[in-house]
């Protein structure tokens, strides 16, 4: 029996926490393919409408302005978290995608059932989940922006404390919460509190957006 908190009481292992997920795809065949991948996993609760706490999974070969507008609406107006499954992202779109509030990105050619579920769960937790090559491109792009800002040195406009910078550096290197806690000798709760504090204070939408901010402001 499903409770109001997105869990089910069935099964020998006890309650399973379920993440509400809605799938957007450009055609019925693509949508059904993703749904068939996800519906086999008990931690996924497939829905037909998005809302606060929902993970919206968007699938497309490439992005256009309509896709970016939809992403902004899903995250900012509907209160959902976004996972993007895409064939490629152009350089000019990269910062826009991150600042739309996308927390997880999966390349279409890597979109196995395991990879999709991993990205959905990361987004639901508020973690970042970017392909390593995409993170490298993001770092390069922000570096280019800094070098092109003649007469405007990369000094931080809003202060981050050293502990926040340490955490964001490790997030940018791809470590998850437990790994960051181990490396910095903090508890996982402390790491989560650090991330929650800085994203709330700076009005950032998720870890990926926090990393983009830290890069743009010259912290990392």
N, C-alpha and C. Protein backbone atom coordinates (compact mmCIF):
# COMPACT_ATOMS: atom_id res chain seq x y z
N UNK A 1 0.85 -1.20 0.00
CA UNK A 1 0.00 0.00 0.00
C UNK A 1 0.87 1.24 0.00
N UNK A 2 0.59 2.16 -0.88
CA UNK A 2 1.40 3.36 -1.00
C UNK A 2 0.97 4.37 0.05
N UNK A 3 1.94 4.99 0.70
CA UNK A 3 1.64 6.03 1.68
C UNK A 3 1.70 7.38 1.01
N UNK A 4 1.37 8.44 1.77
CA UNK A 4 1.38 9.78 1.21
C UNK A 4 2.79 10.31 1.02
N UNK A 5 3.81 9.58 1.47
CA UNK A 5 5.18 10.05 1.38
C UNK A 5 5.94 9.36 0.26
N UNK A 6 5.24 8.77 -0.69
CA UNK A 6 5.91 8.16 -1.83
C UNK A 6 6.64 6.88 -1.48
N UNK A 7 6.12 6.09 -0.55
CA UNK A 7 6.72 4.82 -0.21
C UNK A 7 5.69 3.73 -0.40
N UNK A 8 6.15 2.51 -0.52
CA UNK A 8 5.26 1.37 -0.55
C UNK A 8 5.63 0.44 0.58
N UNK A 9 4.61 -0.13 1.25
CA UNK A 9 4.84 -1.00 2.40
C UNK A 9 4.98 -2.46 2.01
N UNK A 10 4.86 -2.75 0.72
CA UNK A 10 4.93 -4.13 0.26
C UNK A 10 6.37 -4.58 0.13
N UNK A 11 6.56 -5.87 0.15
CA UNK A 11 7.89 -6.43 -0.12
C UNK A 11 8.57 -6.90 1.13
N UNK A 12 9.38 -7.98 1.02
CA UNK A 12 10.05 -8.56 2.17
C UNK A 12 11.10 -7.65 2.78
N UNK A 13 11.60 -6.67 2.04
CA UNK A 13 12.66 -5.81 2.56
C UNK A 13 12.15 -4.61 3.31
N UNK A 14 10.81 -4.51 3.52
CA UNK A 14 10.26 -3.37 4.22
C UNK A 14 9.93 -2.24 3.26
N UNK A 15 9.61 -1.07 3.79
CA UNK A 15 9.22 0.07 2.95
C UNK A 15 10.30 0.46 1.94
N UNK A 16 9.88 0.72 0.71
CA UNK A 16 10.79 1.18 -0.33
C UNK A 16 10.43 2.63 -0.65
N UNK A 17 11.37 3.53 -0.50
CA UNK A 17 11.13 4.93 -0.82
C UNK A 17 11.07 5.09 -2.33
N UNK A 18 10.00 5.69 -2.81
CA UNK A 18 9.78 5.82 -4.25
C UNK A 18 9.87 7.27 -4.67
N UNK A 19 10.49 7.49 -5.82
CA UNK A 19 10.66 8.83 -6.37
C UNK A 19 9.63 9.04 -7.47
N UNK A 20 8.76 10.05 -7.34
CA UNK A 20 7.80 10.33 -8.42
C UNK A 20 8.52 10.88 -9.65
N UNK A 21 8.26 10.30 -10.80
CA UNK A 21 8.96 10.65 -12.05
C UNK A 21 7.95 10.85 -13.16
N UNK A 22 8.13 11.92 -13.93
CA UNK A 22 7.36 12.14 -15.14
C UNK A 22 8.33 12.19 -16.31
N UNK A 23 7.95 11.59 -17.44
CA UNK A 23 8.82 11.50 -18.61
C UNK A 23 8.27 12.36 -19.74
N UNK A 24 9.13 13.23 -20.29
CA UNK A 24 8.81 14.02 -21.47
C UNK A 24 9.71 13.54 -22.61
N UNK A 25 9.13 13.24 -23.75
CA UNK A 25 9.91 12.79 -24.90
C UNK A 25 9.27 13.35 -26.17
N UNK A 26 10.05 13.47 -27.25
CA UNK A 26 9.52 14.12 -28.46
C UNK A 26 8.54 13.26 -29.25
N UNK A 27 8.47 11.95 -28.97
CA UNK A 27 7.58 11.08 -29.71
C UNK A 27 7.16 9.91 -28.82
N UNK A 28 6.05 9.24 -29.13
CA UNK A 28 5.54 8.16 -28.28
C UNK A 28 6.50 6.98 -28.16
N UNK A 29 7.24 6.67 -29.21
CA UNK A 29 8.15 5.52 -29.16
C UNK A 29 9.27 5.78 -28.16
N UNK A 30 9.87 6.98 -28.22
CA UNK A 30 10.94 7.32 -27.28
C UNK A 30 10.41 7.32 -25.85
N UNK A 31 9.23 7.87 -25.65
CA UNK A 31 8.66 7.95 -24.30
C UNK A 31 8.40 6.55 -23.75
N UNK A 32 7.81 5.69 -24.56
CA UNK A 32 7.52 4.34 -24.09
C UNK A 32 8.80 3.55 -23.82
N UNK A 33 9.84 3.82 -24.60
CA UNK A 33 11.11 3.15 -24.35
C UNK A 33 11.68 3.49 -22.99
N UNK A 34 11.61 4.79 -22.62
CA UNK A 34 12.10 5.21 -21.31
C UNK A 34 11.21 4.66 -20.20
N UNK A 35 9.90 4.71 -20.40
CA UNK A 35 8.98 4.19 -19.38
C UNK A 35 9.23 2.71 -19.13
N UNK A 36 9.47 1.94 -20.20
CA UNK A 36 9.70 0.51 -20.02
C UNK A 36 11.00 0.24 -19.27
N UNK A 37 11.98 1.12 -19.42
CA UNK A 37 13.23 1.00 -18.67
C UNK A 37 13.01 1.26 -17.19
N UNK A 38 12.16 2.24 -16.88
CA UNK A 38 12.00 2.69 -15.51
C UNK A 38 11.00 1.88 -14.70
N UNK A 39 9.95 1.38 -15.35
CA UNK A 39 8.86 0.77 -14.58
C UNK A 39 9.26 -0.55 -13.92
N UNK A 40 10.41 -1.08 -14.28
CA UNK A 40 10.88 -2.32 -13.65
C UNK A 40 11.54 -2.07 -12.30
N UNK A 41 11.73 -0.82 -11.95
CA UNK A 41 12.47 -0.49 -10.72
C UNK A 41 11.50 -0.01 -9.64
N UNK A 42 11.44 -0.71 -8.51
CA UNK A 42 10.45 -0.37 -7.47
C UNK A 42 10.64 1.00 -6.85
N UNK A 43 11.85 1.58 -6.97
CA UNK A 43 12.08 2.90 -6.37
C UNK A 43 11.54 4.04 -7.23
N UNK A 44 11.04 3.71 -8.43
CA UNK A 44 10.51 4.72 -9.35
C UNK A 44 8.99 4.66 -9.36
N UNK A 45 8.36 5.79 -9.15
CA UNK A 45 6.90 5.92 -9.16
C UNK A 45 6.52 6.80 -10.34
N UNK A 46 6.14 6.18 -11.45
CA UNK A 46 5.85 6.93 -12.68
C UNK A 46 4.54 7.70 -12.55
N UNK A 47 4.58 8.97 -12.93
CA UNK A 47 3.42 9.86 -12.84
C UNK A 47 3.12 10.45 -14.21
N UNK A 48 1.97 11.11 -14.30
CA UNK A 48 1.59 11.79 -15.54
C UNK A 48 1.62 13.30 -15.40
N UNK A 49 1.78 13.81 -14.16
CA UNK A 49 1.86 15.25 -13.95
C UNK A 49 3.01 15.55 -13.01
N UNK A 50 3.70 16.66 -13.25
CA UNK A 50 4.82 17.03 -12.40
C UNK A 50 4.35 17.98 -11.31
N UNK A 51 5.20 18.17 -10.31
CA UNK A 51 4.90 19.05 -9.20
C UNK A 51 6.06 19.03 -8.23
N UNK A 52 5.95 19.73 -7.12
CA UNK A 52 7.03 19.76 -6.13
C UNK A 52 7.46 18.35 -5.71
N UNK A 53 8.76 18.10 -5.76
CA UNK A 53 9.28 16.80 -5.38
C UNK A 53 9.35 15.80 -6.51
N UNK A 54 8.74 16.12 -7.64
CA UNK A 54 8.78 15.23 -8.80
C UNK A 54 10.10 15.41 -9.54
N UNK A 55 10.60 14.31 -10.13
CA UNK A 55 11.74 14.40 -11.04
C UNK A 55 11.21 14.32 -12.46
N UNK A 56 11.43 15.36 -13.24
CA UNK A 56 11.02 15.39 -14.63
C UNK A 56 12.19 14.97 -15.50
N UNK A 57 12.01 13.90 -16.26
CA UNK A 57 13.06 13.37 -17.12
C UNK A 57 12.72 13.75 -18.56
N UNK A 58 13.56 14.60 -19.16
CA UNK A 58 13.34 15.10 -20.50
C UNK A 58 14.30 14.43 -21.47
N UNK A 59 13.73 13.90 -22.56
CA UNK A 59 14.52 13.17 -23.55
C UNK A 59 14.44 13.89 -24.89
N UNK A 60 15.59 14.10 -25.52
CA UNK A 60 15.60 14.67 -26.87
C UNK A 60 16.97 14.46 -27.48
N UNK A 61 17.04 14.56 -28.80
CA UNK A 61 18.34 14.42 -29.47
C UNK A 61 19.18 15.67 -29.28
N UNK A 62 18.55 16.83 -29.36
CA UNK A 62 19.25 18.10 -29.22
C UNK A 62 18.30 19.09 -28.56
N UNK A 63 18.83 20.24 -28.19
CA UNK A 63 18.04 21.24 -27.48
C UNK A 63 17.71 22.42 -28.38
N UNK A 64 16.55 23.00 -28.14
CA UNK A 64 16.22 24.27 -28.77
C UNK A 64 15.65 25.19 -27.70
N UNK A 65 15.26 26.39 -28.08
CA UNK A 65 14.79 27.36 -27.10
C UNK A 65 13.52 26.88 -26.39
N UNK A 66 12.69 26.12 -27.11
CA UNK A 66 11.48 25.58 -26.49
C UNK A 66 11.83 24.61 -25.36
N UNK A 67 12.88 23.81 -25.56
CA UNK A 67 13.32 22.88 -24.52
C UNK A 67 13.81 23.64 -23.29
N UNK A 68 14.60 24.70 -23.50
CA UNK A 68 15.10 25.50 -22.38
C UNK A 68 13.96 26.18 -21.64
N UNK A 69 12.97 26.66 -22.38
CA UNK A 69 11.80 27.27 -21.74
C UNK A 69 11.05 26.26 -20.90
N UNK A 70 10.90 25.05 -21.41
CA UNK A 70 10.23 23.98 -20.65
C UNK A 70 11.00 23.64 -19.40
N UNK A 71 12.33 23.56 -19.51
CA UNK A 71 13.15 23.27 -18.34
C UNK A 71 12.96 24.32 -17.26
N UNK A 72 12.98 25.58 -17.66
CA UNK A 72 12.80 26.66 -16.67
C UNK A 72 11.44 26.56 -16.00
N UNK A 73 10.41 26.27 -16.78
CA UNK A 73 9.07 26.18 -16.20
C UNK A 73 8.97 25.01 -15.23
N UNK A 74 9.53 23.87 -15.60
CA UNK A 74 9.46 22.69 -14.76
C UNK A 74 10.12 22.94 -13.41
N UNK A 75 11.30 23.56 -13.45
CA UNK A 75 12.06 23.76 -12.21
C UNK A 75 11.54 24.93 -11.41
N UNK A 76 11.31 26.07 -12.06
CA UNK A 76 11.00 27.29 -11.33
C UNK A 76 9.52 27.43 -11.00
N UNK A 77 8.65 27.01 -11.90
CA UNK A 77 7.22 27.18 -11.68
C UNK A 77 6.57 25.95 -11.05
N UNK A 78 6.96 24.78 -11.49
CA UNK A 78 6.33 23.56 -11.00
C UNK A 78 7.05 22.95 -9.81
N UNK A 79 8.27 23.42 -9.51
CA UNK A 79 8.98 22.93 -8.34
C UNK A 79 9.56 21.54 -8.48
N UNK A 80 9.68 21.05 -9.72
CA UNK A 80 10.24 19.71 -9.95
C UNK A 80 11.75 19.81 -10.12
N UNK A 81 12.41 18.66 -10.03
CA UNK A 81 13.83 18.56 -10.37
C UNK A 81 13.93 17.99 -11.78
N UNK A 82 15.01 18.34 -12.49
CA UNK A 82 15.09 17.97 -13.90
C UNK A 82 16.28 17.07 -14.18
N UNK A 83 16.03 16.04 -14.98
CA UNK A 83 17.08 15.19 -15.55
C UNK A 83 16.97 15.32 -17.06
N UNK A 84 18.08 15.59 -17.72
CA UNK A 84 18.10 15.76 -19.16
C UNK A 84 18.82 14.59 -19.81
N UNK A 85 18.13 13.91 -20.73
CA UNK A 85 18.72 12.84 -21.52
C UNK A 85 18.80 13.36 -22.95
N UNK A 86 20.02 13.58 -23.44
CA UNK A 86 20.17 14.32 -24.69
C UNK A 86 21.32 13.74 -25.51
N UNK A 87 21.21 13.89 -26.83
CA UNK A 87 22.25 13.38 -27.70
C UNK A 87 23.52 14.22 -27.66
N UNK A 88 23.36 15.53 -27.45
CA UNK A 88 24.52 16.41 -27.38
C UNK A 88 24.09 17.79 -26.93
N UNK A 89 25.05 18.56 -26.45
CA UNK A 89 24.79 19.92 -26.01
C UNK A 89 25.83 20.82 -26.64
N UNK A 90 25.37 21.87 -27.32
CA UNK A 90 26.31 22.82 -27.92
C UNK A 90 26.94 23.69 -26.85
N UNK A 91 28.13 24.21 -27.14
CA UNK A 91 28.84 25.03 -26.16
C UNK A 91 28.00 26.21 -25.68
N UNK A 92 27.28 26.83 -26.60
CA UNK A 92 26.49 28.01 -26.24
C UNK A 92 25.34 27.68 -25.31
N UNK A 93 24.94 26.40 -25.25
CA UNK A 93 23.80 26.01 -24.43
C UNK A 93 24.19 25.54 -23.04
N UNK A 94 25.48 25.30 -22.82
CA UNK A 94 25.91 24.59 -21.62
C UNK A 94 25.55 25.33 -20.34
N UNK A 95 25.97 26.58 -20.22
CA UNK A 95 25.66 27.33 -19.01
C UNK A 95 24.16 27.57 -18.87
N UNK A 96 23.47 27.76 -20.00
CA UNK A 96 22.02 27.94 -19.94
C UNK A 96 21.34 26.72 -19.34
N UNK A 97 21.78 25.53 -19.75
CA UNK A 97 21.18 24.30 -19.23
C UNK A 97 21.39 24.19 -17.73
N UNK A 98 22.61 24.45 -17.27
CA UNK A 98 22.90 24.35 -15.84
C UNK A 98 22.09 25.38 -15.06
N UNK A 99 22.02 26.59 -15.58
CA UNK A 99 21.32 27.64 -14.86
C UNK A 99 19.81 27.52 -14.96
N UNK A 100 19.31 26.68 -15.87
CA UNK A 100 17.88 26.36 -15.87
C UNK A 100 17.50 25.51 -14.66
N UNK A 101 18.49 24.89 -14.04
CA UNK A 101 18.21 24.06 -12.88
C UNK A 101 18.34 22.57 -13.13
N UNK A 102 18.95 22.18 -14.25
CA UNK A 102 19.16 20.76 -14.53
C UNK A 102 20.24 20.23 -13.60
N UNK A 103 19.92 19.20 -12.81
CA UNK A 103 20.89 18.65 -11.87
C UNK A 103 21.60 17.43 -12.38
N UNK A 104 21.02 16.74 -13.37
CA UNK A 104 21.62 15.50 -13.89
C UNK A 104 21.46 15.47 -15.40
N UNK A 105 22.52 15.06 -16.09
CA UNK A 105 22.51 14.95 -17.54
C UNK A 105 23.05 13.58 -17.92
N UNK A 106 22.35 12.92 -18.84
CA UNK A 106 22.77 11.60 -19.34
C UNK A 106 22.81 11.67 -20.85
N UNK A 107 23.93 11.22 -21.44
CA UNK A 107 23.98 11.12 -22.90
C UNK A 107 23.05 9.99 -23.36
N UNK A 108 22.36 10.21 -24.46
CA UNK A 108 21.39 9.22 -24.93
C UNK A 108 22.03 7.86 -25.20
N UNK A 109 23.28 7.88 -25.72
CA UNK A 109 23.91 6.60 -26.03
C UNK A 109 24.34 5.84 -24.77
N UNK A 110 24.27 6.52 -23.61
CA UNK A 110 24.61 5.86 -22.35
C UNK A 110 23.37 5.60 -21.48
N UNK A 111 22.19 5.82 -22.03
CA UNK A 111 20.96 5.81 -21.24
C UNK A 111 20.41 4.40 -21.02
N UNK A 112 21.18 3.58 -20.30
CA UNK A 112 20.68 2.28 -19.87
C UNK A 112 19.71 2.48 -18.71
N UNK A 113 18.97 1.42 -18.36
CA UNK A 113 18.04 1.51 -17.23
C UNK A 113 18.78 1.90 -15.96
N UNK A 114 19.94 1.28 -15.72
CA UNK A 114 20.71 1.58 -14.51
C UNK A 114 21.14 3.03 -14.49
N UNK A 115 21.59 3.54 -15.63
CA UNK A 115 22.08 4.92 -15.68
C UNK A 115 20.93 5.91 -15.47
N UNK A 116 19.77 5.62 -16.05
CA UNK A 116 18.62 6.50 -15.88
C UNK A 116 18.18 6.56 -14.42
N UNK A 117 18.09 5.39 -13.78
CA UNK A 117 17.67 5.35 -12.38
C UNK A 117 18.70 6.07 -11.50
N UNK A 118 19.98 5.87 -11.79
CA UNK A 118 21.03 6.55 -11.03
C UNK A 118 20.87 8.07 -11.13
N UNK A 119 20.60 8.58 -12.33
CA UNK A 119 20.44 10.02 -12.52
C UNK A 119 19.19 10.53 -11.82
N UNK A 120 18.10 9.78 -11.89
CA UNK A 120 16.86 10.18 -11.22
C UNK A 120 17.05 10.26 -9.72
N UNK A 121 17.69 9.26 -9.13
CA UNK A 121 17.90 9.26 -7.68
C UNK A 121 18.84 10.38 -7.26
N UNK A 122 19.86 10.66 -8.08
CA UNK A 122 20.77 11.77 -7.77
C UNK A 122 20.02 13.10 -7.79
N UNK A 123 19.18 13.29 -8.81
CA UNK A 123 18.41 14.53 -8.90
C UNK A 123 17.44 14.66 -7.73
N UNK A 124 16.81 13.56 -7.34
CA UNK A 124 15.86 13.59 -6.23
C UNK A 124 16.54 13.98 -4.93
N UNK A 125 17.80 13.57 -4.76
CA UNK A 125 18.55 13.92 -3.55
C UNK A 125 19.11 15.35 -3.60
N UNK A 126 19.06 15.97 -4.79
CA UNK A 126 19.66 17.28 -4.95
C UNK A 126 21.13 17.21 -5.29
N UNK A 127 21.64 16.02 -5.63
CA UNK A 127 23.03 15.86 -6.01
C UNK A 127 23.21 16.22 -7.49
N UNK A 128 24.43 16.51 -7.87
CA UNK A 128 24.76 16.73 -9.27
C UNK A 128 25.19 15.42 -9.90
N UNK A 129 24.86 15.23 -11.17
CA UNK A 129 25.26 14.02 -11.89
C UNK A 129 25.50 14.41 -13.35
N UNK A 130 26.73 14.86 -13.64
CA UNK A 130 27.09 15.28 -14.98
C UNK A 130 28.13 14.34 -15.55
N UNK A 131 28.06 14.04 -16.85
CA UNK A 131 29.14 13.27 -17.48
C UNK A 131 30.48 13.96 -17.31
N UNK A 132 31.54 13.18 -17.13
CA UNK A 132 32.86 13.76 -16.86
C UNK A 132 33.30 14.70 -17.99
N UNK A 133 33.02 14.32 -19.24
CA UNK A 133 33.45 15.18 -20.34
C UNK A 133 32.68 16.49 -20.37
N UNK A 134 31.42 16.45 -19.93
CA UNK A 134 30.63 17.67 -19.90
C UNK A 134 31.10 18.60 -18.79
N UNK A 135 31.48 18.05 -17.65
CA UNK A 135 32.01 18.87 -16.56
C UNK A 135 33.30 19.56 -17.00
N UNK A 136 34.14 18.83 -17.74
CA UNK A 136 35.37 19.43 -18.25
C UNK A 136 35.08 20.58 -19.19
N UNK A 137 34.09 20.43 -20.05
CA UNK A 137 33.71 21.50 -20.97
C UNK A 137 33.17 22.71 -20.20
N UNK A 138 32.41 22.44 -19.13
CA UNK A 138 31.87 23.54 -18.32
C UNK A 138 33.01 24.34 -17.70
N UNK A 139 34.00 23.63 -17.16
CA UNK A 139 35.15 24.30 -16.55
C UNK A 139 35.89 25.13 -17.60
N UNK A 140 36.12 24.56 -18.79
CA UNK A 140 36.80 25.29 -19.85
C UNK A 140 36.02 26.53 -20.26
N UNK A 141 34.68 26.39 -20.36
CA UNK A 141 33.87 27.51 -20.81
C UNK A 141 33.89 28.65 -19.81
N UNK A 142 33.77 28.32 -18.52
CA UNK A 142 33.81 29.36 -17.51
C UNK A 142 35.18 30.03 -17.49
N UNK A 143 36.25 29.24 -17.68
CA UNK A 143 37.59 29.82 -17.75
C UNK A 143 37.72 30.79 -18.90
N UNK A 144 37.11 30.46 -20.04
CA UNK A 144 37.14 31.36 -21.19
C UNK A 144 36.42 32.66 -20.89
N UNK A 145 35.28 32.56 -20.18
CA UNK A 145 34.55 33.76 -19.80
C UNK A 145 35.40 34.67 -18.92
N UNK A 146 36.13 34.06 -17.98
CA UNK A 146 37.00 34.85 -17.10
C UNK A 146 38.10 35.55 -17.89
N UNK A 147 38.72 34.80 -18.82
CA UNK A 147 39.83 35.38 -19.58
C UNK A 147 39.34 36.50 -20.49
N UNK A 148 38.08 36.40 -20.92
CA UNK A 148 37.55 37.43 -21.82
C UNK A 148 37.01 38.65 -21.11
N UNK A 149 36.96 38.61 -19.79
CA UNK A 149 36.40 39.74 -19.04
C UNK A 149 37.50 40.73 -18.72
N UNK A 150 37.98 41.43 -19.71
CA UNK A 150 39.08 42.38 -19.53
C UNK A 150 38.68 43.49 -18.58
N UNK A 151 39.57 43.77 -17.63
CA UNK A 151 39.31 44.84 -16.67
C UNK A 151 38.40 44.44 -15.54
N UNK A 152 37.96 43.17 -15.50
CA UNK A 152 37.08 42.71 -14.44
C UNK A 152 37.69 41.47 -13.81
N UNK A 153 38.58 41.61 -12.84
CA UNK A 153 39.20 40.44 -12.23
C UNK A 153 38.18 39.55 -11.57
N UNK A 154 38.50 38.26 -11.54
CA UNK A 154 37.57 37.25 -11.03
C UNK A 154 37.58 37.22 -9.51
N UNK A 155 37.05 38.27 -8.93
CA UNK A 155 36.95 38.32 -7.47
C UNK A 155 35.54 37.96 -7.07
N UNK A 156 35.37 37.18 -6.02
CA UNK A 156 34.04 36.74 -5.64
C UNK A 156 33.15 37.91 -5.25
N UNK A 157 31.89 37.89 -5.74
CA UNK A 157 30.95 38.95 -5.43
C UNK A 157 30.19 38.67 -4.15
N UNK A 158 30.01 37.43 -3.78
CA UNK A 158 29.35 37.05 -2.55
C UNK A 158 30.24 36.03 -1.86
N UNK A 159 30.50 36.25 -0.57
CA UNK A 159 31.49 35.41 0.10
C UNK A 159 31.08 33.96 0.28
N UNK A 160 31.98 33.05 -0.01
CA UNK A 160 31.88 31.65 0.38
C UNK A 160 32.94 31.40 1.44
N UNK A 161 32.57 30.68 2.48
CA UNK A 161 33.55 30.37 3.52
C UNK A 161 34.43 29.23 3.02
N UNK A 162 35.64 29.08 3.58
CA UNK A 162 36.57 28.05 3.10
C UNK A 162 35.97 26.65 3.06
N UNK A 163 35.15 26.31 4.07
CA UNK A 163 34.57 24.96 4.07
C UNK A 163 33.65 24.75 2.88
N UNK A 164 32.89 25.78 2.49
CA UNK A 164 32.03 25.66 1.32
C UNK A 164 32.84 25.48 0.05
N UNK A 165 33.94 26.21 -0.05
CA UNK A 165 34.81 26.09 -1.22
C UNK A 165 35.40 24.68 -1.29
N UNK A 166 35.84 24.14 -0.15
CA UNK A 166 36.39 22.78 -0.13
C UNK A 166 35.38 21.76 -0.62
N UNK A 167 34.14 21.91 -0.15
CA UNK A 167 33.09 20.98 -0.55
C UNK A 167 32.81 21.10 -2.05
N UNK A 168 32.71 22.33 -2.55
CA UNK A 168 32.40 22.52 -3.97
C UNK A 168 33.51 22.02 -4.88
N UNK A 169 34.77 22.14 -4.44
CA UNK A 169 35.87 21.60 -5.25
C UNK A 169 35.70 20.09 -5.43
N UNK A 170 35.32 19.40 -4.36
CA UNK A 170 35.16 17.95 -4.44
C UNK A 170 33.90 17.58 -5.24
N UNK A 171 32.84 18.38 -5.12
CA UNK A 171 31.66 18.16 -5.96
C UNK A 171 32.05 18.28 -7.44
N UNK A 172 32.85 19.30 -7.75
CA UNK A 172 33.29 19.52 -9.14
C UNK A 172 34.14 18.36 -9.64
N UNK A 173 34.84 17.67 -8.72
CA UNK A 173 35.66 16.52 -9.09
C UNK A 173 34.85 15.24 -9.21
N UNK A 174 33.54 15.32 -8.95
CA UNK A 174 32.66 14.17 -9.16
C UNK A 174 32.42 13.29 -7.96
N UNK A 175 32.85 13.72 -6.76
CA UNK A 175 32.65 12.89 -5.57
C UNK A 175 31.24 13.07 -5.03
N UNK A 176 30.67 11.97 -4.47
CA UNK A 176 29.35 12.08 -3.88
C UNK A 176 29.45 12.48 -2.41
N UNK A 177 28.31 12.57 -1.73
CA UNK A 177 28.28 13.10 -0.37
C UNK A 177 29.14 12.29 0.58
N UNK A 178 29.03 10.95 0.53
CA UNK A 178 29.78 10.12 1.46
C UNK A 178 31.28 10.22 1.21
N UNK A 179 31.69 10.31 -0.06
CA UNK A 179 33.11 10.43 -0.38
C UNK A 179 33.66 11.78 0.08
N UNK A 180 32.86 12.84 -0.10
CA UNK A 180 33.30 14.17 0.34
C UNK A 180 33.44 14.19 1.86
N UNK A 181 32.48 13.59 2.56
CA UNK A 181 32.55 13.53 4.02
C UNK A 181 33.81 12.82 4.48
N UNK A 182 34.16 11.73 3.81
CA UNK A 182 35.37 10.99 4.18
C UNK A 182 36.63 11.79 3.93
N UNK A 183 36.69 12.48 2.80
CA UNK A 183 37.89 13.23 2.47
C UNK A 183 38.09 14.43 3.39
N UNK A 184 37.00 15.04 3.84
CA UNK A 184 37.11 16.24 4.68
C UNK A 184 36.95 15.95 6.16
N UNK A 185 36.75 14.67 6.50
CA UNK A 185 36.56 14.24 7.90
C UNK A 185 35.37 14.94 8.55
N UNK A 186 34.28 15.07 7.77
CA UNK A 186 33.02 15.58 8.29
C UNK A 186 31.98 14.46 8.22
N UNK A 187 30.85 14.64 8.88
CA UNK A 187 29.74 13.71 8.72
C UNK A 187 29.00 14.02 7.42
N UNK A 188 28.26 13.03 6.91
CA UNK A 188 27.46 13.27 5.70
C UNK A 188 26.42 14.35 5.97
N UNK A 189 25.86 14.39 7.18
CA UNK A 189 24.88 15.42 7.51
C UNK A 189 25.50 16.82 7.40
N UNK A 190 26.75 16.95 7.84
CA UNK A 190 27.42 18.25 7.74
C UNK A 190 27.58 18.67 6.28
N UNK A 191 27.98 17.73 5.42
CA UNK A 191 28.14 18.05 3.99
C UNK A 191 26.81 18.48 3.40
N UNK A 192 25.73 17.77 3.74
CA UNK A 192 24.41 18.13 3.23
C UNK A 192 23.99 19.51 3.73
N UNK A 193 24.31 19.80 5.00
CA UNK A 193 23.97 21.11 5.55
C UNK A 193 24.76 22.23 4.87
N UNK A 194 26.04 21.96 4.57
CA UNK A 194 26.86 22.95 3.87
C UNK A 194 26.25 23.26 2.50
N UNK A 195 25.90 22.21 1.76
CA UNK A 195 25.34 22.40 0.43
C UNK A 195 23.99 23.11 0.50
N UNK A 196 23.16 22.69 1.46
CA UNK A 196 21.84 23.32 1.59
C UNK A 196 22.00 24.80 1.95
N UNK A 197 22.93 25.09 2.84
CA UNK A 197 23.13 26.47 3.27
C UNK A 197 23.56 27.38 2.14
N UNK A 198 24.54 26.94 1.35
CA UNK A 198 25.05 27.82 0.29
C UNK A 198 24.07 27.94 -0.87
N UNK A 199 23.37 26.82 -1.22
CA UNK A 199 22.41 26.92 -2.32
C UNK A 199 21.22 27.80 -1.93
N UNK A 200 20.80 27.73 -0.66
CA UNK A 200 19.70 28.57 -0.20
C UNK A 200 20.12 30.04 -0.15
N UNK A 201 21.29 30.31 0.41
CA UNK A 201 21.77 31.68 0.56
C UNK A 201 21.99 32.38 -0.78
N UNK A 202 22.50 31.62 -1.75
CA UNK A 202 22.84 32.21 -3.05
C UNK A 202 21.75 31.99 -4.10
N UNK A 203 20.62 31.39 -3.68
CA UNK A 203 19.49 31.15 -4.58
C UNK A 203 19.90 30.27 -5.77
N UNK A 204 20.66 29.22 -5.47
CA UNK A 204 21.09 28.26 -6.48
C UNK A 204 20.16 27.05 -6.44
N UNK A 205 19.97 26.39 -7.58
CA UNK A 205 18.94 25.38 -7.66
C UNK A 205 19.41 23.97 -7.32
N UNK A 206 20.68 23.69 -7.48
CA UNK A 206 21.18 22.35 -7.20
C UNK A 206 22.70 22.38 -7.18
N UNK A 207 23.32 21.22 -7.02
CA UNK A 207 24.78 21.14 -6.93
C UNK A 207 25.46 21.58 -8.22
N UNK A 208 24.90 21.18 -9.35
CA UNK A 208 25.51 21.57 -10.62
C UNK A 208 25.51 23.09 -10.77
N UNK A 209 24.40 23.72 -10.37
CA UNK A 209 24.33 25.18 -10.44
C UNK A 209 25.33 25.80 -9.47
N UNK A 210 25.51 25.18 -8.29
CA UNK A 210 26.48 25.69 -7.31
C UNK A 210 27.90 25.63 -7.86
N UNK A 211 28.23 24.52 -8.55
CA UNK A 211 29.56 24.39 -9.15
C UNK A 211 29.75 25.44 -10.24
N UNK A 212 28.73 25.65 -11.06
CA UNK A 212 28.82 26.67 -12.11
C UNK A 212 29.03 28.05 -11.51
N UNK A 213 28.33 28.33 -10.42
CA UNK A 213 28.49 29.62 -9.73
C UNK A 213 29.93 29.77 -9.22
N UNK A 214 30.44 28.74 -8.53
CA UNK A 214 31.78 28.81 -7.96
C UNK A 214 32.84 28.99 -9.05
N UNK A 215 32.65 28.33 -10.18
CA UNK A 215 33.57 28.50 -11.30
C UNK A 215 33.50 29.91 -11.86
N UNK A 216 32.29 30.40 -12.04
CA UNK A 216 32.11 31.73 -12.65
C UNK A 216 32.68 32.83 -11.75
N UNK A 217 32.56 32.64 -10.42
CA UNK A 217 33.02 33.66 -9.48
C UNK A 217 34.49 33.50 -9.09
N UNK A 218 35.16 32.49 -9.65
CA UNK A 218 36.59 32.35 -9.43
C UNK A 218 37.00 31.64 -8.16
N UNK A 219 36.09 30.88 -7.54
CA UNK A 219 36.44 30.16 -6.32
C UNK A 219 37.21 28.87 -6.60
N UNK A 220 36.84 28.20 -7.71
CA UNK A 220 37.48 26.92 -8.04
C UNK A 220 37.89 26.93 -9.51
